[in-house]
Amino acid sequence: MNPQDQWLLQKEKTLAWVRLGFSLAAILVVQLNPERVARFPVLSYLALIGFFAYSLLVFYLIVKETAVNFARLALITTCVDLVWVSLIVFSTGPSPTPFFVYYFFPVVTASSRYGIKGGVGVAAIGLVLYGLIRLSPLSVGSLAIDIFVIRSIYLLVLAYIFGLLSEFEQKQNRKLMALYKTAADAAAQAERHRIARELHDRMLQTLATLALRLEACRKHPPRDSEELDRDLKLMQEMAVLSMSDIRQFLSGRDLPSIAPGTLVESLKEEMKFLRDGLGIHVVFEHEPEDIRLAPEVEQELYYVLREGLMNIAKHSQASRALIVLKETGRQVSGSVEDDGMGFEAGVVQNNGRLGLVTMRERIDKLGGALEIQSSPGGGTTISFSAPLESGG
């Protein structure tokens, strides 16, 4: 149930409570002044008890949220309210009957549901019924025309005011619903993007590394059984780790990241495969020797540099690569450079390749900037810089 339906249901519940209260108040009034039913006692008590039973039934249907059409129920109750109030007015006394104010209830409910036209229309019908009752020959005592006119003005003005307020409320609700839908769509889009980034940066990258290792093992079989056993064990561990990550991801838990203070060691482990498995000569330069960054900064930089290394492994056909990472106290900068086949940087970036997009987003998250330089046959250089204050 969306917020609009919830609000309408809450409104109907409130009206059901008020109707039930009116029915009990009518019975109490007659108990306090039995002369109100002196002329038609049987009809009066039947009307009062019937109104209470009807109010109780409507209250039950709405509060229990049974499988009913609330729009149809609202129309039916508006009509029944008018008829039943008229029956109570007719059967419970002469022209000064206090139950005229009960016409306010169907008028207010119609105004809240259908706006000005609905409220004024129900008020007009109620006045016709009231006029037929109080100006008819069957009525005890004649109703002065000035009283009828004043009461008519009260009822019509009340219908107009409540209808105006209801229409204003409906317009505001439509605006709020539009904002709610926009916010929900934006949140859903952001969540889909987050999921895509998490899948790409973590699980898919691990699986891509596993595929590259298998390909390297197939093209360059290990020289002895001990080396083969070591490679197979490593690939098995990667597969098990991916399965564990998928389970955690599906359960809604945060996926594990690199341990704090292990950025350099984690990158060296990634580089080891490029060197040993693919034969790419990789150099890693980092200053200072023991880089210590805030854990959240380390995590973002790890995935940025890891993505750069995986792009070299999957696409570049490079023979050499250089990784640079420098921390100057207030800023961290780095680059991933290779001598591979390169690409048209503008074309690839405009195509929105997910890996490059997530790299840029992670650097943007740190408040920094990322630059990509590449050309066909000229290799690729991805460089970035970010202030440590925004990430620490």
Protein backbone atom coordinates (compact mmCIF):
# COMPACT_ATOMS: atom_id res chain seq x y z
CA MET A 1 0.00 0.00 0.00
CA ASN A 2 1.51 3.32 -1.07
CA PRO A 3 1.47 6.45 1.16
CA GLN A 4 -1.54 7.89 -0.70
CA ASP A 5 -3.64 4.79 -0.05
CA GLN A 6 -2.47 4.72 3.55
CA TRP A 7 -3.57 8.34 4.01
CA LEU A 8 -7.01 7.64 2.46
CA LEU A 9 -7.44 4.59 4.67
CA GLN A 10 -6.53 6.62 7.75
CA LYS A 11 -9.06 9.27 6.76
CA GLU A 12 -11.80 6.64 6.37
CA LYS A 13 -10.91 5.21 9.78
CA THR A 14 -11.27 8.66 11.33
CA LEU A 15 -14.66 9.19 9.67
CA ALA A 16 -15.78 5.75 10.88
CA TRP A 17 -14.84 6.71 14.44
CA VAL A 18 -16.76 10.00 14.17
CA ARG A 19 -19.85 8.28 12.70
CA LEU A 20 -19.82 5.77 15.55
CA GLY A 21 -19.51 8.61 18.04
CA PHE A 22 -22.47 10.44 16.47
CA SER A 23 -24.63 7.32 16.67
CA LEU A 24 -23.87 6.88 20.37
CA ALA A 25 -24.43 10.59 21.06
CA ALA A 26 -27.88 10.42 19.40
CA ILE A 27 -28.93 7.55 21.67
CA LEU A 28 -27.62 9.44 24.71
CA VAL A 29 -29.54 12.61 23.77
CA VAL A 30 -32.81 10.68 23.50
CA GLN A 31 -32.15 9.01 26.86
CA LEU A 32 -31.64 12.42 28.46
CA ASN A 33 -34.78 13.82 26.83
CA PRO A 34 -37.35 11.08 26.06
CA GLU A 35 -39.82 13.70 24.75
CA ARG A 36 -37.81 13.75 21.53
CA VAL A 37 -39.40 10.41 20.59
CA ALA A 38 -42.91 11.09 21.93
CA ARG A 39 -44.60 11.14 18.52
CA PHE A 40 -42.87 8.18 16.76
CA PRO A 41 -41.21 6.21 19.59
CA VAL A 42 -40.88 2.91 17.73
CA LEU A 43 -39.59 4.53 14.52
CA SER A 44 -37.22 6.75 16.52
CA TYR A 45 -35.64 3.88 18.45
CA LEU A 46 -35.39 1.76 15.30
CA ALA A 47 -33.70 4.68 13.51
CA LEU A 48 -31.27 5.32 16.37
CA ILE A 49 -30.39 1.67 17.00
CA GLY A 50 -30.19 0.98 13.27
CA PHE A 51 -27.83 3.94 12.79
CA PHE A 52 -25.64 2.61 15.58
CA ALA A 53 -25.56 -0.91 14.10
CA TYR A 54 -24.83 0.47 10.62
CA SER A 55 -22.03 2.67 12.04
CA LEU A 56 -20.58 -0.31 13.87
CA LEU A 57 -20.58 -2.41 10.68
CA VAL A 58 -18.84 0.29 8.64
CA PHE A 59 -16.35 0.80 11.45
CA TYR A 60 -15.54 -2.94 11.49
CA LEU A 61 -15.10 -3.16 7.71
CA ILE A 62 -12.72 -0.20 7.60
CA VAL A 63 -10.71 -0.80 10.75
CA LYS A 64 -10.22 -4.49 9.93
CA GLU A 65 -9.25 -3.51 6.36
CA THR A 66 -11.36 -6.30 4.90
CA ALA A 67 -11.40 -6.93 1.16
CA VAL A 68 -13.84 -4.15 0.23
CA ASN A 69 -13.81 -1.49 -2.45
CA PHE A 70 -13.26 1.63 -0.35
CA ALA A 71 -14.29 4.00 -3.15
CA ARG A 72 -17.64 2.18 -3.53
CA LEU A 73 -18.05 1.95 0.25
CA ALA A 74 -17.47 5.72 0.56
CA LEU A 75 -20.21 6.45 -2.01
CA ILE A 76 -22.64 4.04 -0.33
CA THR A 77 -22.02 5.41 3.16
CA THR A 78 -22.48 8.99 1.97
CA CYS A 79 -25.93 8.12 0.57
CA VAL A 80 -26.91 6.02 3.58
CA ASP A 81 -25.74 8.74 6.00
CA LEU A 82 -28.03 11.27 4.31
CA VAL A 83 -31.06 8.98 4.38
CA TRP A 84 -30.49 7.81 7.96
CA VAL A 85 -29.91 11.31 9.32
CA SER A 86 -33.13 12.42 7.61
CA LEU A 87 -34.99 9.51 9.22
CA ILE A 88 -33.60 10.45 12.66
CA VAL A 89 -34.55 14.12 12.15
CA PHE A 90 -38.06 13.16 11.05
CA SER A 91 -38.73 10.74 13.91
CA THR A 92 -37.20 12.57 16.87
CA GLY A 93 -39.13 15.76 17.33
CA PRO A 94 -40.41 19.06 16.01
CA SER A 95 -38.54 21.85 14.22
CA PRO A 96 -36.09 22.71 17.00
CA THR A 97 -34.66 19.15 16.86
CA PRO A 98 -30.95 19.13 17.74
CA PHE A 99 -30.29 16.47 15.12
CA PHE A 100 -30.14 18.94 12.24
CA VAL A 101 -26.42 19.23 12.96
CA TYR A 102 -26.12 15.57 11.96
CA TYR A 103 -26.40 16.73 8.35
CA PHE A 104 -22.96 18.22 8.90
CA PHE A 105 -21.45 14.74 8.99
CA PRO A 106 -22.37 13.53 5.44
CA VAL A 107 -21.52 17.02 4.16
CA VAL A 108 -18.07 16.95 5.75
CA THR A 109 -17.38 13.38 4.59
CA ALA A 110 -18.45 14.18 1.02
CA SER A 111 -16.32 17.34 1.02
CA SER A 112 -13.26 15.47 2.27
CA ARG A 113 -13.73 12.75 -0.36
CA TYR A 114 -14.97 14.64 -3.41
CA GLY A 115 -14.04 18.28 -2.91
CA ILE A 116 -16.25 21.37 -3.32
CA LYS A 117 -18.66 19.92 -5.87
CA GLY A 118 -19.25 16.76 -3.85
CA GLY A 119 -19.69 18.61 -0.58
CA VAL A 120 -22.04 21.29 -1.95
CA GLY A 121 -24.02 18.64 -3.85
CA VAL A 122 -24.56 16.53 -0.73
CA ALA A 123 -25.44 19.67 1.25
CA ALA A 124 -28.07 20.59 -1.36
CA ILE A 125 -29.58 17.09 -1.24
CA GLY A 126 -29.57 17.20 2.56
CA LEU A 127 -31.38 20.57 2.52
CA VAL A 128 -34.00 19.22 0.15
CA LEU A 129 -34.63 16.26 2.44
CA TYR A 130 -34.66 18.51 5.52
CA GLY A 131 -37.08 20.89 3.81
CA LEU A 132 -39.44 18.09 2.84
CA ILE A 133 -39.43 16.88 6.45
CA ARG A 134 -39.83 20.19 8.25
CA LEU A 135 -42.04 22.02 5.73
CA SER A 136 -44.35 19.08 5.06
CA PRO A 137 -47.88 18.81 6.56
CA LEU A 138 -46.76 15.76 8.56
CA SER A 139 -44.29 17.82 10.54
CA VAL A 140 -45.24 18.83 14.07
CA GLY A 141 -44.94 22.61 14.20
CA SER A 142 -43.99 24.70 11.22
CA LEU A 143 -40.38 25.66 10.55
CA ALA A 144 -39.93 29.37 10.06
CA ILE A 145 -38.55 30.14 6.63
CA ASP A 146 -35.83 32.39 8.05
CA ILE A 147 -34.53 29.53 10.20
CA PHE A 148 -34.51 27.24 7.17
CA VAL A 149 -32.61 29.84 5.13
CA ILE A 150 -30.03 30.41 7.87
CA ARG A 151 -29.51 26.69 8.33
CA SER A 152 -29.19 26.28 4.56
CA ILE A 153 -26.51 28.97 4.46
CA TYR A 154 -24.64 27.31 7.33
CA LEU A 155 -24.68 23.95 5.59
CA LEU A 156 -23.66 25.26 2.16
CA VAL A 157 -20.86 27.45 3.55
CA LEU A 158 -19.59 24.53 5.62
CA ALA A 159 -19.63 22.32 2.52
CA TYR A 160 -17.73 24.92 0.49
CA ILE A 161 -15.07 25.52 3.16
CA PHE A 162 -14.43 21.84 3.79
CA GLY A 163 -14.44 21.13 0.06
CA LEU A 164 -11.92 23.90 -0.51
CA LEU A 165 -9.67 22.55 2.24
CA SER A 166 -10.02 19.02 0.87
CA GLU A 167 -9.06 20.07 -2.68
CA PHE A 168 -6.06 21.95 -1.34
CA GLU A 169 -5.08 18.87 0.65
CA GLN A 170 -5.46 16.66 -2.43
CA LYS A 171 -3.26 18.98 -4.50
CA GLN A 172 -0.60 18.93 -1.80
CA ASN A 173 -0.84 15.14 -1.58
CA ARG A 174 -0.37 14.84 -5.34
CA LYS A 175 2.71 17.01 -5.13
CA LEU A 176 4.03 14.96 -2.23
CA MET A 177 3.33 11.73 -4.11
CA ALA A 178 5.18 13.07 -7.14
CA LEU A 179 8.13 13.96 -4.93
CA TYR A 180 7.88 10.58 -3.23
CA LYS A 181 7.92 8.78 -6.59
CA THR A 182 10.85 10.87 -7.79
CA ALA A 183 12.77 10.17 -4.59
CA ALA A 184 11.89 6.46 -4.76
CA ASP A 185 13.03 6.25 -8.39
CA ALA A 186 16.26 8.07 -7.56
CA ALA A 187 16.86 5.80 -4.59
CA ALA A 188 16.19 2.70 -6.69
CA GLN A 189 18.55 3.95 -9.41
CA ALA A 190 21.23 4.72 -6.83
CA GLU A 191 20.78 1.27 -5.28
CA ARG A 192 21.04 -0.44 -8.68
CA HIS A 193 24.19 1.54 -9.39
CA ARG A 194 25.64 0.61 -5.99
CA ILE A 195 24.91 -3.06 -6.59
CA ALA A 196 26.50 -2.90 -10.05
CA ARG A 197 29.59 -1.23 -8.62
CA GLU A 198 29.87 -3.70 -5.74
CA LEU A 199 29.48 -6.63 -8.12
CA HIS A 200 32.02 -5.23 -10.54
CA ASP A 201 34.64 -4.07 -8.06
CA ARG A 202 34.53 -7.10 -5.81
CA MET A 203 33.03 -10.33 -7.07
CA LEU A 204 33.33 -9.86 -10.83
CA GLN A 205 36.92 -8.71 -10.51
CA THR A 206 37.75 -11.76 -8.42
CA LEU A 207 36.08 -14.02 -10.96
CA ALA A 208 37.89 -12.23 -13.79
CA THR A 209 41.19 -12.81 -12.00
CA LEU A 210 40.29 -16.47 -11.59
CA ALA A 211 39.49 -16.74 -15.31
CA LEU A 212 42.83 -15.13 -16.20
CA ARG A 213 44.68 -17.51 -13.90
CA LEU A 214 42.96 -20.49 -15.50
CA GLU A 215 43.82 -19.17 -18.95
CA ALA A 216 47.44 -18.65 -17.93
CA CYS A 217 47.56 -22.14 -16.45
CA ARG A 218 46.19 -23.57 -19.70
CA LYS A 219 48.57 -21.64 -21.95
CA HIS A 220 51.61 -22.06 -19.69
CA PRO A 221 51.24 -25.31 -17.73
CA PRO A 222 53.18 -25.41 -14.45
CA ARG A 223 56.58 -27.07 -14.69
CA ASP A 224 56.00 -29.55 -11.85
CA SER A 225 53.18 -31.01 -9.79
CA GLU A 226 54.06 -28.92 -6.76
CA GLU A 227 53.62 -25.68 -8.69
CA LEU A 228 50.38 -26.98 -10.23
CA ASP A 229 49.08 -27.91 -6.79
CA ARG A 230 49.93 -24.45 -5.49
CA ASP A 231 48.15 -22.72 -8.40
CA LEU A 232 45.06 -24.93 -8.12
CA LYS A 233 44.89 -24.36 -4.38
CA LEU A 234 45.08 -20.60 -4.90
CA MET A 235 42.31 -20.70 -7.51
CA GLN A 236 40.19 -22.85 -5.22
CA GLU A 237 40.58 -20.29 -2.44
CA MET A 238 39.52 -17.53 -4.81
CA ALA A 239 36.40 -19.50 -5.83
CA VAL A 240 35.48 -20.18 -2.20
CA LEU A 241 36.03 -16.50 -1.36
CA SER A 242 33.75 -15.46 -4.22
CA MET A 243 31.03 -17.82 -3.01
CA SER A 244 31.31 -16.39 0.49
CA ASP A 245 31.11 -12.83 -0.86
CA ILE A 246 28.01 -13.68 -2.89
CA ARG A 247 26.29 -15.16 0.16
CA GLN A 248 27.08 -12.08 2.25
CA PHE A 249 25.96 -9.79 -0.56
CA LEU A 250 22.62 -11.59 -0.96
CA SER A 251 22.04 -11.48 2.80
CA GLY A 252 22.49 -7.70 2.78
CA ARG A 253 25.68 -7.65 4.83
CA ASP A 254 28.68 -5.50 3.96
CA LEU A 255 31.31 -7.31 1.96
CA PRO A 256 34.76 -7.63 3.53
CA SER A 257 37.36 -5.09 2.50
CA ILE A 258 41.13 -5.07 2.79
CA ALA A 259 42.49 -4.95 6.30
CA PRO A 260 43.60 -1.48 7.46
CA GLY A 261 47.25 -0.77 6.73
CA THR A 262 47.56 -3.48 4.06
CA LEU A 263 47.11 -1.37 0.92
CA VAL A 264 50.66 -1.84 -0.32
CA GLU A 265 50.72 -5.57 0.45
CA SER A 266 47.33 -6.10 -1.22
CA LEU A 267 48.47 -4.32 -4.38
CA LYS A 268 51.69 -6.31 -4.48
CA GLU A 269 49.67 -9.51 -4.33
CA GLU A 270 47.62 -8.35 -7.34
CA MET A 271 50.81 -7.43 -9.20
CA LYS A 272 52.34 -10.82 -8.51
CA PHE A 273 49.83 -12.53 -10.75
CA LEU A 274 50.45 -10.09 -13.61
CA ARG A 275 54.15 -10.79 -13.33
CA ASP A 276 54.13 -14.55 -12.73
CA GLY A 277 50.93 -15.54 -14.51
CA LEU A 278 50.87 -13.22 -17.52
CA GLY A 279 54.51 -12.29 -17.87
CA ILE A 280 53.91 -8.55 -17.51
CA HIS A 281 56.82 -6.71 -15.93
CA VAL A 282 55.24 -4.55 -13.21
CA VAL A 283 57.03 -1.89 -11.17
CA PHE A 284 55.44 -0.45 -8.02
CA GLU A 285 56.78 2.84 -6.69
CA HIS A 286 55.33 4.21 -3.47
CA GLU A 287 56.35 7.05 -1.16
CA PRO A 288 56.81 6.90 1.72
CA GLU A 289 57.90 3.31 2.01
CA ASP A 290 55.32 2.57 4.71
CA ILE A 291 52.19 4.41 3.54
CA ARG A 292 49.57 4.81 6.24
CA LEU A 293 46.20 6.16 5.14
CA ALA A 294 42.75 6.26 6.66
CA PRO A 295 40.95 2.90 6.16
CA GLU A 296 38.23 4.40 3.96
CA VAL A 297 40.86 6.07 1.76
CA GLU A 298 42.81 2.82 1.51
CA GLN A 299 39.72 0.94 0.44
CA GLU A 300 38.82 3.39 -2.34
CA LEU A 301 42.38 3.57 -3.65
CA TYR A 302 42.73 -0.20 -3.57
CA TYR A 303 39.73 -0.69 -5.83
CA VAL A 304 40.84 2.12 -8.15
CA LEU A 305 44.35 0.71 -8.58
CA ARG A 306 43.08 -2.86 -8.72
CA GLU A 307 40.72 -1.90 -11.53
CA GLY A 308 43.64 -0.33 -13.37
CA LEU A 309 45.68 -3.54 -12.99
CA MET A 310 42.78 -5.71 -14.14
CA ASN A 311 42.27 -3.54 -17.21
CA ILE A 312 45.94 -4.06 -18.06
CA ALA A 313 45.53 -7.81 -17.65
CA LYS A 314 42.29 -8.07 -19.64
CA HIS A 315 42.60 -5.48 -22.40
CA SER A 316 46.00 -3.86 -22.84
CA GLN A 317 48.23 -6.69 -24.14
CA ALA A 318 51.03 -4.79 -22.39
CA SER A 319 54.48 -6.07 -21.53
CA ARG A 320 55.31 -3.43 -18.92
CA ALA A 321 53.31 -1.54 -16.30
CA LEU A 322 54.16 1.09 -13.71
CA ILE A 323 52.15 1.74 -10.54
CA VAL A 324 52.88 4.93 -8.58
CA LEU A 325 51.41 5.92 -5.22
CA LYS A 326 52.54 8.98 -3.25
CA GLU A 327 51.36 10.51 -0.01
CA THR A 328 52.50 14.03 0.84
CA GLY A 329 50.71 14.59 4.15
CA ARG A 330 47.80 16.55 2.77
CA GLN A 331 47.29 14.81 -0.53
CA VAL A 332 47.58 11.38 -2.07
CA SER A 333 48.26 10.87 -5.75
CA GLY A 334 48.90 7.93 -7.97
CA SER A 335 48.90 6.52 -11.48
CA VAL A 336 48.67 3.29 -13.44
CA GLU A 337 50.66 3.27 -16.66
CA ASP A 338 51.19 0.56 -19.31
CA ASP A 339 52.78 0.24 -22.75
CA GLY A 340 49.85 -1.67 -24.22
CA MET A 341 47.63 -1.20 -27.24
CA GLY A 342 45.79 1.81 -25.77
CA PHE A 343 42.41 3.08 -26.92
CA GLU A 344 40.52 6.19 -27.95
CA ALA A 345 40.06 7.70 -24.50
CA GLY A 346 37.18 9.97 -25.44
CA VAL A 347 35.23 7.19 -27.16
CA VAL A 348 35.63 4.69 -24.32
CA GLN A 349 34.72 7.24 -21.63
CA ASN A 350 31.65 8.37 -23.56
CA ASN A 351 30.53 4.76 -23.81
CA GLY A 352 30.43 4.70 -20.00
CA ARG A 353 32.50 1.56 -19.44
CA LEU A 354 31.68 0.53 -15.90
CA GLY A 355 35.25 -0.01 -14.73
CA LEU A 356 36.38 3.50 -15.67
CA VAL A 357 33.15 4.98 -14.33
CA THR A 358 33.57 3.36 -10.90
CA MET A 359 37.22 4.44 -10.76
CA ARG A 360 36.20 8.04 -11.31
CA GLU A 361 33.34 7.79 -8.80
CA ARG A 362 35.63 6.47 -6.10
CA ILE A 363 38.11 9.29 -6.59
CA ASP A 364 35.24 11.80 -6.69
CA LYS A 365 34.06 10.36 -3.38
CA LEU A 366 37.42 11.31 -1.88
CA GLY A 367 37.06 14.83 -3.29
CA GLY A 368 39.76 14.30 -5.91
CA ALA A 369 40.10 14.13 -9.67
CA LEU A 370 40.97 11.34 -12.10
CA GLU A 371 42.46 11.75 -15.59
CA ILE A 372 42.75 9.20 -18.39
CA GLN A 373 45.31 9.56 -21.18
CA SER A 374 45.44 6.99 -23.96
CA SER A 375 45.74 6.59 -27.69
CA PRO A 376 45.74 3.57 -30.00
CA GLY A 377 49.18 1.98 -29.85
CA GLY A 378 50.42 4.54 -27.33
CA GLY A 379 49.61 2.82 -24.06
CA THR A 380 47.43 4.16 -21.25
CA THR A 381 48.02 6.33 -18.21
CA ILE A 382 45.38 6.74 -15.51
CA SER A 383 46.34 9.29 -12.87
CA PHE A 384 44.54 10.71 -9.87
CA SER A 385 44.98 12.95 -6.85
CA ALA A 386 42.81 13.50 -3.79
CA PRO A 387 43.03 15.53 -0.57
CA LEU A 388 43.41 13.37 2.52
CA GLU A 389 41.31 15.70 4.64
CA SER A 390 38.10 14.84 2.81
CA GLY A 391 38.72 11.11 3.11
CA GLY A 392 40.18 10.92 6.64
